[in-house]
PDB file of N, CA and C in Angstrom:
ATOM      1  N   UNK A   1       0.821  -1.194   0.000  1.00  0.00           N
ATOM      2  CA  UNK A   1       0.000   0.000   0.000  1.00  0.00           C
ATOM      3  C   UNK A   1       0.860   1.251   0.000  1.00  0.00           C
ATOM      4  N   UNK A   2       1.918   1.274   0.793  1.00  0.00           N
ATOM      5  CA  UNK A   2       2.796   2.439   0.859  1.00  0.00           C
ATOM      6  C   UNK A   2       3.442   2.696  -0.490  1.00  0.00           C
ATOM      7  N   UNK A   3       3.734   1.649  -1.213  1.00  0.00           N
ATOM      8  CA  UNK A   3       4.330   1.811  -2.536  1.00  0.00           C
ATOM      9  C   UNK A   3       3.404   2.563  -3.475  1.00  0.00           C
ATOM     10  N   UNK A   4       2.094   2.263  -3.449  1.00  0.00           N
ATOM     11  CA  UNK A   4       1.123   2.958  -4.287  1.00  0.00           C
ATOM     12  C   UNK A   4       1.085   4.449  -3.965  1.00  0.00           C
ATOM     13  N   UNK A   5       1.079   4.787  -2.663  1.00  0.00           N
ATOM     14  CA  UNK A   5       1.066   6.194  -2.272  1.00  0.00           C
ATOM     15  C   UNK A   5       2.313   6.908  -2.763  1.00  0.00           C
ATOM     16  N   UNK A   6       3.451   6.254  -2.652  1.00  0.00           N
ATOM     17  CA  UNK A   6       4.700   6.875  -3.096  1.00  0.00           C
ATOM     18  C   UNK A   6       4.681   7.096  -4.596  1.00  0.00           C
ATOM     19  N   UNK A   7       4.191   6.123  -5.350  1.00  0.00           N
ATOM     20  CA  UNK A   7       4.181   6.282  -6.802  1.00  0.00           C
ATOM     21  C   UNK A   7       3.188   7.355  -7.230  1.00  0.00           C
ATOM     22  N   UNK A   8       2.032   7.501  -6.529  1.00  0.00           N
ATOM     23  CA  UNK A   8       1.108   8.553  -6.929  1.00  0.00           C
ATOM     24  C   UNK A   8       1.662   9.918  -6.573  1.00  0.00           C
ATOM     25  N   UNK A   9       2.394   9.998  -5.451  1.00  0.00           N
ATOM     26  CA  UNK A   9       3.001  11.275  -5.092  1.00  0.00           C
ATOM     27  C   UNK A   9       4.055  11.644  -6.126  1.00  0.00           C
ATOM     28  N   UNK A  10       4.811  10.667  -6.573  1.00  0.00           N
ATOM     29  CA  UNK A  10       5.849  10.945  -7.557  1.00  0.00           C
ATOM     30  C   UNK A  10       5.266  11.251  -8.931  1.00  0.00           C
ATOM     31  N   UNK A  11       4.162  10.622  -9.275  1.00  0.00           N
ATOM     32  CA  UNK A  11       3.629  10.815 -10.620  1.00  0.00           C
ATOM     33  C   UNK A  11       2.986  12.190 -10.808  1.00  0.00           C
ATOM     34  N   UNK A  12       2.437  12.770  -9.767  1.00  0.00           N
ATOM     35  CA  UNK A  12       1.792  14.072  -9.912  1.00  0.00           C
ATOM     36  C   UNK A  12       2.751  15.167 -10.360  1.00  0.00           C
ATOM     37  N   UNK A  13       3.906  15.350  -9.683  1.00  0.00           N
ATOM     38  CA  UNK A  13       4.830  16.377 -10.157  1.00  0.00           C
ATOM     39  C   UNK A  13       5.335  16.095 -11.571  1.00  0.00           C
ATOM     40  N   UNK A  14       5.531  14.827 -11.896  1.00  0.00           N
ATOM     41  CA  UNK A  14       5.991  14.506 -13.240  1.00  0.00           C
ATOM     42  C   UNK A  14       4.943  14.886 -14.272  1.00  0.00           C
ATOM     43  N   UNK A  15       3.680  14.630 -13.978  1.00  0.00           N
ATOM     44  CA  UNK A  15       2.623  15.011 -14.900  1.00  0.00           C
ATOM     45  C   UNK A  15       2.548  16.516 -15.047  1.00  0.00           C
ATOM     46  N   UNK A  16       2.707  17.243 -13.935  1.00  0.00           N
ATOM     47  CA  UNK A  16       2.675  18.701 -14.001  1.00  0.00           C
ATOM     48  C   UNK A  16       3.828  19.228 -14.826  1.00  0.00           C
ATOM     49  N   UNK A  17       5.027  18.652 -14.639  1.00  0.00           N
ATOM     50  CA  UNK A  17       6.176  19.086 -15.416  1.00  0.00           C
ATOM     51  C   UNK A  17       5.961  18.819 -16.893  1.00  0.00           C
ATOM     52  N   UNK A  18       5.394  17.672 -17.208  1.00  0.00           N
ATOM     53  CA  UNK A  18       5.140  17.341 -18.605  1.00  0.00           C
ATOM     54  C   UNK A  18       4.147  18.324 -19.217  1.00  0.00           C
ATOM     55  N   UNK A  19       3.111  18.667 -18.483  1.00  0.00           N
ATOM     56  CA  UNK A  19       2.121  19.617 -18.983  1.00  0.00           C
ATOM     57  C   UNK A  19       2.759  20.976 -19.238  1.00  0.00           C
ATOM     58  N   UNK A  20       3.570  21.449 -18.281  1.00  0.00           N
ATOM     59  CA  UNK A  20       4.245  22.732 -18.464  1.00  0.00           C
ATOM     60  C   UNK A  20       5.190  22.670 -19.656  1.00  0.00           C
ATOM     61  N   UNK A  21       5.905  21.573 -19.809  1.00  0.00           N
ATOM     62  CA  UNK A  21       6.815  21.423 -20.929  1.00  0.00           C
ATOM     63  C   UNK A  21       6.046  21.402 -22.244  1.00  0.00           C
ATOM     64  N   UNK A  22       4.912  20.681 -22.277  1.00  0.00           N
ATOM     65  CA  UNK A  22       4.086  20.648 -23.482  1.00  0.00           C
ATOM     66  C   UNK A  22       3.659  22.055 -23.886  1.00  0.00           C
ATOM     67  N   UNK A  23       3.241  22.860 -22.893  1.00  0.00           N
ATOM     68  CA  UNK A  23       2.805  24.210 -23.193  1.00  0.00           C
ATOM     69  C   UNK A  23       3.957  25.042 -23.720  1.00  0.00           C
ATOM     70  N   UNK A  24       5.140  24.864 -23.158  1.00  0.00           N
ATOM     71  CA  UNK A  24       6.298  25.619 -23.608  1.00  0.00           C
ATOM     72  C   UNK A  24       6.668  25.249 -25.035  1.00  0.00           C
ATOM     73  N   UNK A  25       6.555  23.977 -25.365  1.00  0.00           N
ATOM     74  CA  UNK A  25       6.920  23.523 -26.701  1.00  0.00           C
ATOM     75  C   UNK A  25       5.806  23.738 -27.714  1.00  0.00           C
ATOM     76  N   UNK A  26       4.632  24.138 -27.268  1.00  0.00           N
ATOM     77  CA  UNK A  26       3.520  24.355 -28.184  1.00  0.00           C
ATOM     78  C   UNK A  26       2.939  23.054 -28.692  1.00  0.00           C
ATOM     79  N   UNK A  27       2.352  22.273 -27.815  1.00  0.00           N
ATOM     80  CA  UNK A  27       1.721  21.015 -28.204  1.00  0.00           C
ATOM     81  C   UNK A  27       0.784  21.246 -29.383  1.00  0.00           C
ATOM     82  N   UNK A  28       0.903  20.460 -30.443  1.00  0.00           N
ATOM     83  CA  UNK A  28       0.024  20.646 -31.607  1.00  0.00           C
ATOM     84  C   UNK A  28      -1.446  20.358 -31.283  1.00  0.00           C
ATOM     85  N   UNK A  29      -2.333  21.023 -31.976  1.00  0.00           N
ATOM     86  CA  UNK A  29      -3.772  20.855 -31.837  1.00  0.00           C
ATOM     87  C   UNK A  29      -4.354  20.424 -33.174  1.00  0.00           C
ATOM     88  N   UNK A  30      -5.363  19.549 -33.101  1.00  0.00           N
ATOM     89  CA  UNK A  30      -6.064  19.072 -34.300  1.00  0.00           C
ATOM     90  C   UNK A  30      -7.346  19.864 -34.485  1.00  0.00           C
ATOM     91  N   UNK A  31      -7.618  20.250 -35.726  1.00  0.00           N
ATOM     92  CA  UNK A  31      -8.897  20.847 -36.097  1.00  0.00           C
ATOM     93  C   UNK A  31      -9.708  19.727 -36.738  1.00  0.00           C
ATOM     94  N   UNK A  32     -10.837  19.387 -36.108  1.00  0.00           N
ATOM     95  CA  UNK A  32     -11.645  18.245 -36.543  1.00  0.00           C
ATOM     96  C   UNK A  32     -13.053  18.718 -36.871  1.00  0.00           C
ATOM     97  N   UNK A  33     -13.527  18.337 -38.053  1.00  0.00           N
ATOM     98  CA  UNK A  33     -14.915  18.628 -38.432  1.00  0.00           C
ATOM     99  C   UNK A  33     -15.722  17.349 -38.255  1.00  0.00           C
ATOM    100  N   UNK A  34     -16.896  17.506 -37.637  1.00  0.00           N
ATOM    101  CA  UNK A  34     -17.794  16.378 -37.373  1.00  0.00           C
ATOM    102  C   UNK A  34     -18.914  16.337 -38.394  1.00  0.00           C
ATOM    103  N   UNK A  35     -19.426  15.151 -38.614  1.00  0.00           N
ATOM    104  CA  UNK A  35     -20.544  14.981 -39.539  1.00  0.00           C
ATOM    105  C   UNK A  35     -21.812  15.614 -38.954  1.00  0.00           C
ATOM    106  N   UNK A  36     -22.638  16.148 -39.814  1.00  0.00           N
ATOM    107  CA  UNK A  36     -23.943  16.664 -39.393  1.00  0.00           C
ATOM    108  C   UNK A  36     -24.957  16.377 -40.489  1.00  0.00           C
ATOM    109  N   UNK A  37     -26.227  16.344 -40.153  1.00  0.00           N
ATOM    110  CA  UNK A  37     -27.257  16.005 -41.131  1.00  0.00           C
ATOM    111  C   UNK A  37     -27.729  17.203 -41.955  1.00  0.00           C
ATOM    112  N   UNK A  38     -27.103  18.362 -41.773  1.00  0.00           N
ATOM    113  CA  UNK A  38     -27.617  19.596 -42.370  1.00  0.00           C
ATOM    114  C   UNK A  38     -26.900  20.004 -43.659  1.00  0.00           C
ATOM    115  N   UNK A  39     -25.580  20.038 -43.620  1.00  0.00           N
ATOM    116  CA  UNK A  39     -24.812  20.596 -44.742  1.00  0.00           C
ATOM    117  C   UNK A  39     -24.655  19.611 -45.886  1.00  0.00           C
ATOM    118  N   UNK A  40     -24.808  20.120 -47.096  1.00  0.00           N
ATOM    119  CA  UNK A  40     -24.642  19.302 -48.300  1.00  0.00           C
ATOM    120  C   UNK A  40     -23.161  19.065 -48.573  1.00  0.00           C
ATOM    121  N   UNK A  41     -22.867  17.962 -49.226  1.00  0.00           N
ATOM    122  CA  UNK A  41     -21.483  17.591 -49.500  1.00  0.00           C
ATOM    123  C   UNK A  41     -20.741  18.650 -50.307  1.00  0.00           C
ATOM    124  N   UNK A  42     -21.364  19.183 -51.342  1.00  0.00           N
ATOM    125  CA  UNK A  42     -20.679  20.183 -52.172  1.00  0.00           C
ATOM    126  C   UNK A  42     -20.429  21.477 -51.389  1.00  0.00           C
ATOM    127  N   UNK A  43     -21.294  21.790 -50.441  1.00  0.00           N
ATOM    128  CA  UNK A  43     -21.100  22.956 -49.583  1.00  0.00           C
ATOM    129  C   UNK A  43     -19.864  22.749 -48.695  1.00  0.00           C
ATOM    130  N   UNK A  44     -19.737  21.565 -48.098  1.00  0.00           N
ATOM    131  CA  UNK A  44     -18.612  21.259 -47.225  1.00  0.00           C
ATOM    132  C   UNK A  44     -17.299  21.320 -48.011  1.00  0.00           C
ATOM    133  N   UNK A  45     -17.282  20.779 -49.215  1.00  0.00           N
ATOM    134  CA  UNK A  45     -16.095  20.847 -50.076  1.00  0.00           C
ATOM    135  C   UNK A  45     -15.726  22.304 -50.336  1.00  0.00           C
ATOM    136  N   UNK A  46     -16.710  23.131 -50.652  1.00  0.00           N
ATOM    137  CA  UNK A  46     -16.466  24.547 -50.911  1.00  0.00           C
ATOM    138  C   UNK A  46     -15.867  25.246 -49.688  1.00  0.00           C
ATOM    139  N   UNK A  47     -16.382  24.943 -48.505  1.00  0.00           N
ATOM    140  CA  UNK A  47     -15.864  25.559 -47.274  1.00  0.00           C
ATOM    141  C   UNK A  47     -14.414  25.140 -47.044  1.00  0.00           C
ATOM    142  N   UNK A  48     -14.100  23.866 -47.197  1.00  0.00           N
ATOM    143  CA  UNK A  48     -12.726  23.399 -46.999  1.00  0.00           C
ATOM    144  C   UNK A  48     -11.775  24.097 -47.979  1.00  0.00           C
ATOM    145  N   UNK A  49     -12.214  24.299 -49.193  1.00  0.00           N
ATOM    146  CA  UNK A  49     -11.376  24.975 -50.186  1.00  0.00           C
ATOM    147  C   UNK A  49     -11.144  26.437 -49.797  1.00  0.00           C
ATOM    148  N   UNK A  50     -12.190  27.104 -49.339  1.00  0.00           N
ATOM    149  CA  UNK A  50     -12.071  28.517 -48.955  1.00  0.00           C
ATOM    150  C   UNK A  50     -11.235  28.710 -47.697  1.00  0.00           C
ATOM    151  N   UNK A  51     -11.499  27.923 -46.674  1.00  0.00           N
ATOM    152  CA  UNK A  51     -10.837  28.118 -45.381  1.00  0.00           C
ATOM    153  C   UNK A  51      -9.377  27.658 -45.426  1.00  0.00           C
ATOM    154  N   UNK A  52      -9.111  26.493 -46.004  1.00  0.00           N
ATOM    155  CA  UNK A  52      -7.764  25.926 -45.977  1.00  0.00           C
ATOM    156  C   UNK A  52      -6.996  26.082 -47.289  1.00  0.00           C
ATOM    157  N   UNK A  53      -7.681  26.499 -48.349  1.00  0.00           N
ATOM    158  CA  UNK A  53      -7.025  26.603 -49.645  1.00  0.00           C
ATOM    159  C   UNK A  53      -6.774  25.246 -50.282  1.00  0.00           C
ATOM    160  N   UNK A  54      -7.525  24.228 -49.842  1.00  0.00           N
ATOM    161  CA  UNK A  54      -7.368  22.890 -50.396  1.00  0.00           C
ATOM    162  C   UNK A  54      -7.826  22.869 -51.848  1.00  0.00           C
ATOM    163  N   UNK A  55      -7.187  21.993 -52.645  1.00  0.00           N
ATOM    164  CA  UNK A  55      -7.679  21.787 -54.005  1.00  0.00           C
ATOM    165  C   UNK A  55      -8.920  20.894 -53.932  1.00  0.00           C
ATOM    166  N   UNK A  56      -9.575  20.729 -55.057  1.00  0.00           N
ATOM    167  CA  UNK A  56     -10.837  19.987 -55.095  1.00  0.00           C
ATOM    168  C   UNK A  56     -10.675  18.549 -54.599  1.00  0.00           C
ATOM    169  N   UNK A  57      -9.574  17.898 -54.989  1.00  0.00           N
ATOM    170  CA  UNK A  57      -9.343  16.506 -54.603  1.00  0.00           C
ATOM    171  C   UNK A  57      -9.174  16.361 -53.090  1.00  0.00           C
ATOM    172  N   UNK A  58      -8.352  17.217 -52.492  1.00  0.00           N
ATOM    173  CA  UNK A  58      -8.107  17.128 -51.044  1.00  0.00           C
ATOM    174  C   UNK A  58      -9.361  17.498 -50.251  1.00  0.00           C
ATOM    175  N   UNK A  59     -10.076  18.528 -50.691  1.00  0.00           N
ATOM    176  CA  UNK A  59     -11.305  18.935 -50.009  1.00  0.00           C
ATOM    177  C   UNK A  59     -12.354  17.823 -50.084  1.00  0.00           C
ATOM    178  N   UNK A  60     -12.461  17.181 -51.221  1.00  0.00           N
ATOM    179  CA  UNK A  60     -13.422  16.084 -51.392  1.00  0.00           C
ATOM    180  C   UNK A  60     -13.036  14.886 -50.531  1.00  0.00           C
ATOM    181  N   UNK A  61     -11.742  14.587 -50.444  1.00  0.00           N
ATOM    182  CA  UNK A  61     -11.263  13.480 -49.595  1.00  0.00           C
ATOM    183  C   UNK A  61     -11.679  13.723 -48.142  1.00  0.00           C
ATOM    184  N   UNK A  62     -11.454  14.931 -47.633  1.00  0.00           N
ATOM    185  CA  UNK A  62     -11.822  15.231 -46.248  1.00  0.00           C
ATOM    186  C   UNK A  62     -13.341  15.207 -46.052  1.00  0.00           C
ATOM    187  N   UNK A  63     -14.073  15.715 -47.017  1.00  0.00           N
ATOM    188  CA  UNK A  63     -15.538  15.680 -46.925  1.00  0.00           C
ATOM    189  C   UNK A  63     -16.038  14.242 -46.842  1.00  0.00           C
ATOM    190  N   UNK A  64     -15.451  13.343 -47.641  1.00  0.00           N
ATOM    191  CA  UNK A  64     -15.861  11.938 -47.614  1.00  0.00           C
ATOM    192  C   UNK A  64     -15.506  11.273 -46.280  1.00  0.00           C
ATOM    193  N   UNK A  65     -14.367  11.656 -45.684  1.00  0.00           N
ATOM    194  CA  UNK A  65     -14.023  11.145 -44.351  1.00  0.00           C
ATOM    195  C   UNK A  65     -15.085  11.563 -43.342  1.00  0.00           C
ATOM    196  N   UNK A  66     -15.485  12.830 -43.399  1.00  0.00           N
ATOM    197  CA  UNK A  66     -16.520  13.321 -42.491  1.00  0.00           C
ATOM    198  C   UNK A  66     -17.805  12.528 -42.705  1.00  0.00           C
ATOM    199  N   UNK A  67     -18.178  12.350 -43.960  1.00  0.00           N
ATOM    200  CA  UNK A  67     -19.424  11.666 -44.305  1.00  0.00           C
ATOM    201  C   UNK A  67     -19.410  10.189 -43.891  1.00  0.00           C
ATOM    202  N   UNK A  68     -18.303   9.494 -44.157  1.00  0.00           N
ATOM    203  CA  UNK A  68     -18.243   8.055 -43.938  1.00  0.00           C
ATOM    204  C   UNK A  68     -17.776   7.668 -42.528  1.00  0.00           C
ATOM    205  N   UNK A  69     -16.859   8.450 -41.954  1.00  0.00           N
ATOM    206  CA  UNK A  69     -16.290   8.086 -40.654  1.00  0.00           C
ATOM    207  C   UNK A  69     -16.818   8.964 -39.515  1.00  0.00           C
ATOM    208  N   UNK A  70     -17.571   9.984 -39.865  1.00  0.00           N
ATOM    209  CA  UNK A  70     -18.147  10.852 -38.846  1.00  0.00           C
ATOM    210  C   UNK A  70     -17.304  12.043 -38.464  1.00  0.00           C
ATOM    211  N   UNK A  71     -16.039  12.040 -38.927  1.00  0.00           N
ATOM    212  CA  UNK A  71     -15.167  13.177 -38.642  1.00  0.00           C
ATOM    213  C   UNK A  71     -13.933  13.112 -39.530  1.00  0.00           C
ATOM    214  N   UNK A  72     -13.237  14.252 -39.610  1.00  0.00           N
ATOM    215  CA  UNK A  72     -11.982  14.306 -40.343  1.00  0.00           C
ATOM    216  C   UNK A  72     -11.072  15.329 -39.684  1.00  0.00           C
ATOM    217  N   UNK A  73      -9.792  14.974 -39.552  1.00  0.00           N
ATOM    218  CA  UNK A  73      -8.785  15.916 -39.054  1.00  0.00           C
ATOM    219  C   UNK A  73      -8.322  16.732 -40.252  1.00  0.00           C
ATOM    220  N   UNK A  74      -8.635  18.022 -40.218  1.00  0.00           N
ATOM    221  CA  UNK A  74      -8.341  18.884 -41.357  1.00  0.00           C
ATOM    222  C   UNK A  74      -6.995  19.584 -41.264  1.00  0.00           C
ATOM    223  N   UNK A  75      -6.524  19.787 -40.040  1.00  0.00           N
ATOM    224  CA  UNK A  75      -5.275  20.530 -39.875  1.00  0.00           C
ATOM    225  C   UNK A  75      -4.713  20.232 -38.500  1.00  0.00           C
ATOM    226  N   UNK A  76      -3.382  20.232 -38.355  1.00  0.00           N
ATOM    227  CA  UNK A  76      -2.707  20.053 -37.070  1.00  0.00           C
ATOM    228  C   UNK A  76      -1.609  21.102 -36.964  1.00  0.00           C
ATOM    229  N   UNK A  77      -1.574  21.793 -35.820  1.00  0.00           N
ATOM    230  CA  UNK A  77      -0.536  22.799 -35.625  1.00  0.00           C
ATOM    231  C   UNK A  77      -0.741  23.593 -34.357  1.00  0.00           C
ATOM    232  N   UNK A  78      -0.199  24.809 -34.343  1.00  0.00           N
ATOM    233  CA  UNK A  78      -0.242  25.662 -33.163  1.00  0.00           C
ATOM    234  C   UNK A  78      -1.669  25.977 -32.747  1.00  0.00           C
ATOM    235  N   UNK A  79      -1.847  26.116 -31.433  1.00  0.00           N
ATOM    236  CA  UNK A  79      -3.186  26.319 -30.879  1.00  0.00           C
ATOM    237  C   UNK A  79      -3.864  27.577 -31.432  1.00  0.00           C
ATOM    238  N   UNK A  80      -3.141  28.680 -31.507  1.00  0.00           N
ATOM    239  CA  UNK A  80      -3.751  29.930 -31.967  1.00  0.00           C
ATOM    240  C   UNK A  80      -4.302  29.794 -33.388  1.00  0.00           C
ATOM    241  N   UNK A  81      -3.526  29.190 -34.275  1.00  0.00           N
ATOM    242  CA  UNK A  81      -4.000  28.994 -35.653  1.00  0.00           C
ATOM    243  C   UNK A  81      -5.145  27.985 -35.686  1.00  0.00           C
ATOM    244  N   UNK A  82      -5.075  26.950 -34.856  1.00  0.00           N
ATOM    245  CA  UNK A  82      -6.155  25.955 -34.789  1.00  0.00           C
ATOM    246  C   UNK A  82      -7.455  26.616 -34.359  1.00  0.00           C
ATOM    247  N   UNK A  83      -7.380  27.501 -33.364  1.00  0.00           N
ATOM    248  CA  UNK A  83      -8.574  28.222 -32.909  1.00  0.00           C
ATOM    249  C   UNK A  83      -9.125  29.118 -34.018  1.00  0.00           C
ATOM    250  N   UNK A  84      -8.239  29.718 -34.776  1.00  0.00           N
ATOM    251  CA  UNK A  84      -8.668  30.565 -35.896  1.00  0.00           C
ATOM    252  C   UNK A  84      -9.412  29.739 -36.948  1.00  0.00           C
ATOM    253  N   UNK A  85      -8.848  28.589 -37.313  1.00  0.00           N
ATOM    254  CA  UNK A  85      -9.526  27.717 -38.280  1.00  0.00           C
ATOM    255  C   UNK A  85     -10.879  27.236 -37.743  1.00  0.00           C
ATOM    256  N   UNK A  86     -10.913  26.851 -36.471  1.00  0.00           N
ATOM    257  CA  UNK A  86     -12.173  26.381 -35.874  1.00  0.00           C
ATOM    258  C   UNK A  86     -13.223  27.481 -35.920  1.00  0.00           C
ATOM    259  N   UNK A  87     -12.825  28.690 -35.602  1.00  0.00           N
ATOM    260  CA  UNK A  87     -13.750  29.832 -35.643  1.00  0.00           C
ATOM    261  C   UNK A  87     -14.299  30.032 -37.058  1.00  0.00           C
ATOM    262  N   UNK A  88     -13.413  29.987 -38.043  1.00  0.00           N
ATOM    263  CA  UNK A  88     -13.859  30.165 -39.431  1.00  0.00           C
ATOM    264  C   UNK A  88     -14.833  29.065 -39.852  1.00  0.00           C
ATOM    265  N   UNK A  89     -14.514  27.827 -39.517  1.00  0.00           N
ATOM    266  CA  UNK A  89     -15.394  26.713 -39.881  1.00  0.00           C
ATOM    267  C   UNK A  89     -16.748  26.822 -39.189  1.00  0.00           C
ATOM    268  N   UNK A  90     -16.741  27.250 -37.937  1.00  0.00           N
ATOM    269  CA  UNK A  90     -17.997  27.413 -37.208  1.00  0.00           C
ATOM    270  C   UNK A  90     -18.829  28.551 -37.796  1.00  0.00           C
ATOM    271  N   UNK A  91     -18.190  29.577 -38.306  1.00  0.00           N
ATOM    272  CA  UNK A  91     -18.925  30.667 -38.966  1.00  0.00           C
ATOM    273  C   UNK A  91     -19.619  30.163 -40.231  1.00  0.00           C
ATOM    274  N   UNK A  92     -19.050  29.152 -40.868  1.00  0.00           N
ATOM    275  CA  UNK A  92     -19.675  28.511 -42.023  1.00  0.00           C
ATOM    276  C   UNK A  92     -20.674  27.440 -41.585  1.00  0.00           C
ATOM    277  N   UNK A  93     -20.928  27.341 -40.293  1.00  0.00           N
ATOM    278  CA  UNK A  93     -21.909  26.424 -39.696  1.00  0.00           C
ATOM    279  C   UNK A  93     -21.508  24.947 -39.758  1.00  0.00           C
ATOM    280  N   UNK A  94     -20.183  24.687 -39.717  1.00  0.00           N
ATOM    281  CA  UNK A  94     -19.716  23.306 -39.641  1.00  0.00           C
ATOM    282  C   UNK A  94     -19.386  22.991 -38.189  1.00  0.00           C
ATOM    283  N   UNK A  95     -19.775  21.795 -37.751  1.00  0.00           N
ATOM    284  CA  UNK A  95     -19.486  21.392 -36.371  1.00  0.00           C
ATOM    285  C   UNK A  95     -18.001  21.062 -36.269  1.00  0.00           C
ATOM    286  N   UNK A  96     -17.305  21.853 -35.458  1.00  0.00           N
ATOM    287  CA  UNK A  96     -15.852  21.759 -35.382  1.00  0.00           C
ATOM    288  C   UNK A  96     -15.403  21.660 -33.926  1.00  0.00           C
ATOM    289  N   UNK A  97     -14.417  20.802 -33.689  1.00  0.00           N
ATOM    290  CA  UNK A  97     -13.819  20.678 -32.355  1.00  0.00           C
ATOM    291  C   UNK A  97     -12.299  20.754 -32.485  1.00  0.00           C
ATOM    292  N   UNK A  98     -11.667  21.061 -31.358  1.00  0.00           N
ATOM    293  CA  UNK A  98     -10.202  21.037 -31.266  1.00  0.00           C
ATOM    294  C   UNK A  98      -9.817  19.956 -30.278  1.00  0.00           C
ATOM    295  N   UNK A  99      -8.722  19.253 -30.593  1.00  0.00           N
ATOM    296  CA  UNK A  99      -8.173  18.246 -29.678  1.00  0.00           C
ATOM    297  C   UNK A  99      -6.666  18.386 -29.667  1.00  0.00           C
ATOM    298  N   UNK A 100      -6.061  18.130 -28.486  1.00  0.00           N
ATOM    299  CA  UNK A 100      -4.601  18.083 -28.425  1.00  0.00           C
ATOM    300  C   UNK A 100      -4.124  16.894 -29.228  1.00  0.00           C
ATOM    301  N   UNK A 101      -3.050  17.082 -29.983  1.00  0.00           N
ATOM    302  CA  UNK A 101      -2.445  15.991 -30.743  1.00  0.00           C
ATOM    303  C   UNK A 101      -1.470  15.271 -29.830  1.00  0.00           C
ATOM    304  N   UNK A 102      -1.749  14.010 -29.554  1.00  0.00           N
ATOM    305  CA  UNK A 102      -0.891  13.250 -28.622  1.00  0.00           C
ATOM    306  C   UNK A 102       0.287  12.653 -29.309  1.00  0.00           C
TER     307      UNK A 102
END
């Protein structure tokens, strides 16, 4: 039992240090669009092209991922830019979430 307490005490500072280090290094964030029953496929392709500058083939590939798998990771990078992309996609009425890239 004492061993468990010691390991949990030791793991907490290590987790905190890792979190601080991740923030310092700029942990990448994923911009993910979720499937919805509202937007038409050609509309979603158009939005991906406008927001990310994707060509027709890449935009269509991501749209099909959203349609078939329920979501697609459209971009990975710095948090500030990820938030900007998420905001733009949400303004186009696409369901968008951000996740830390592990």
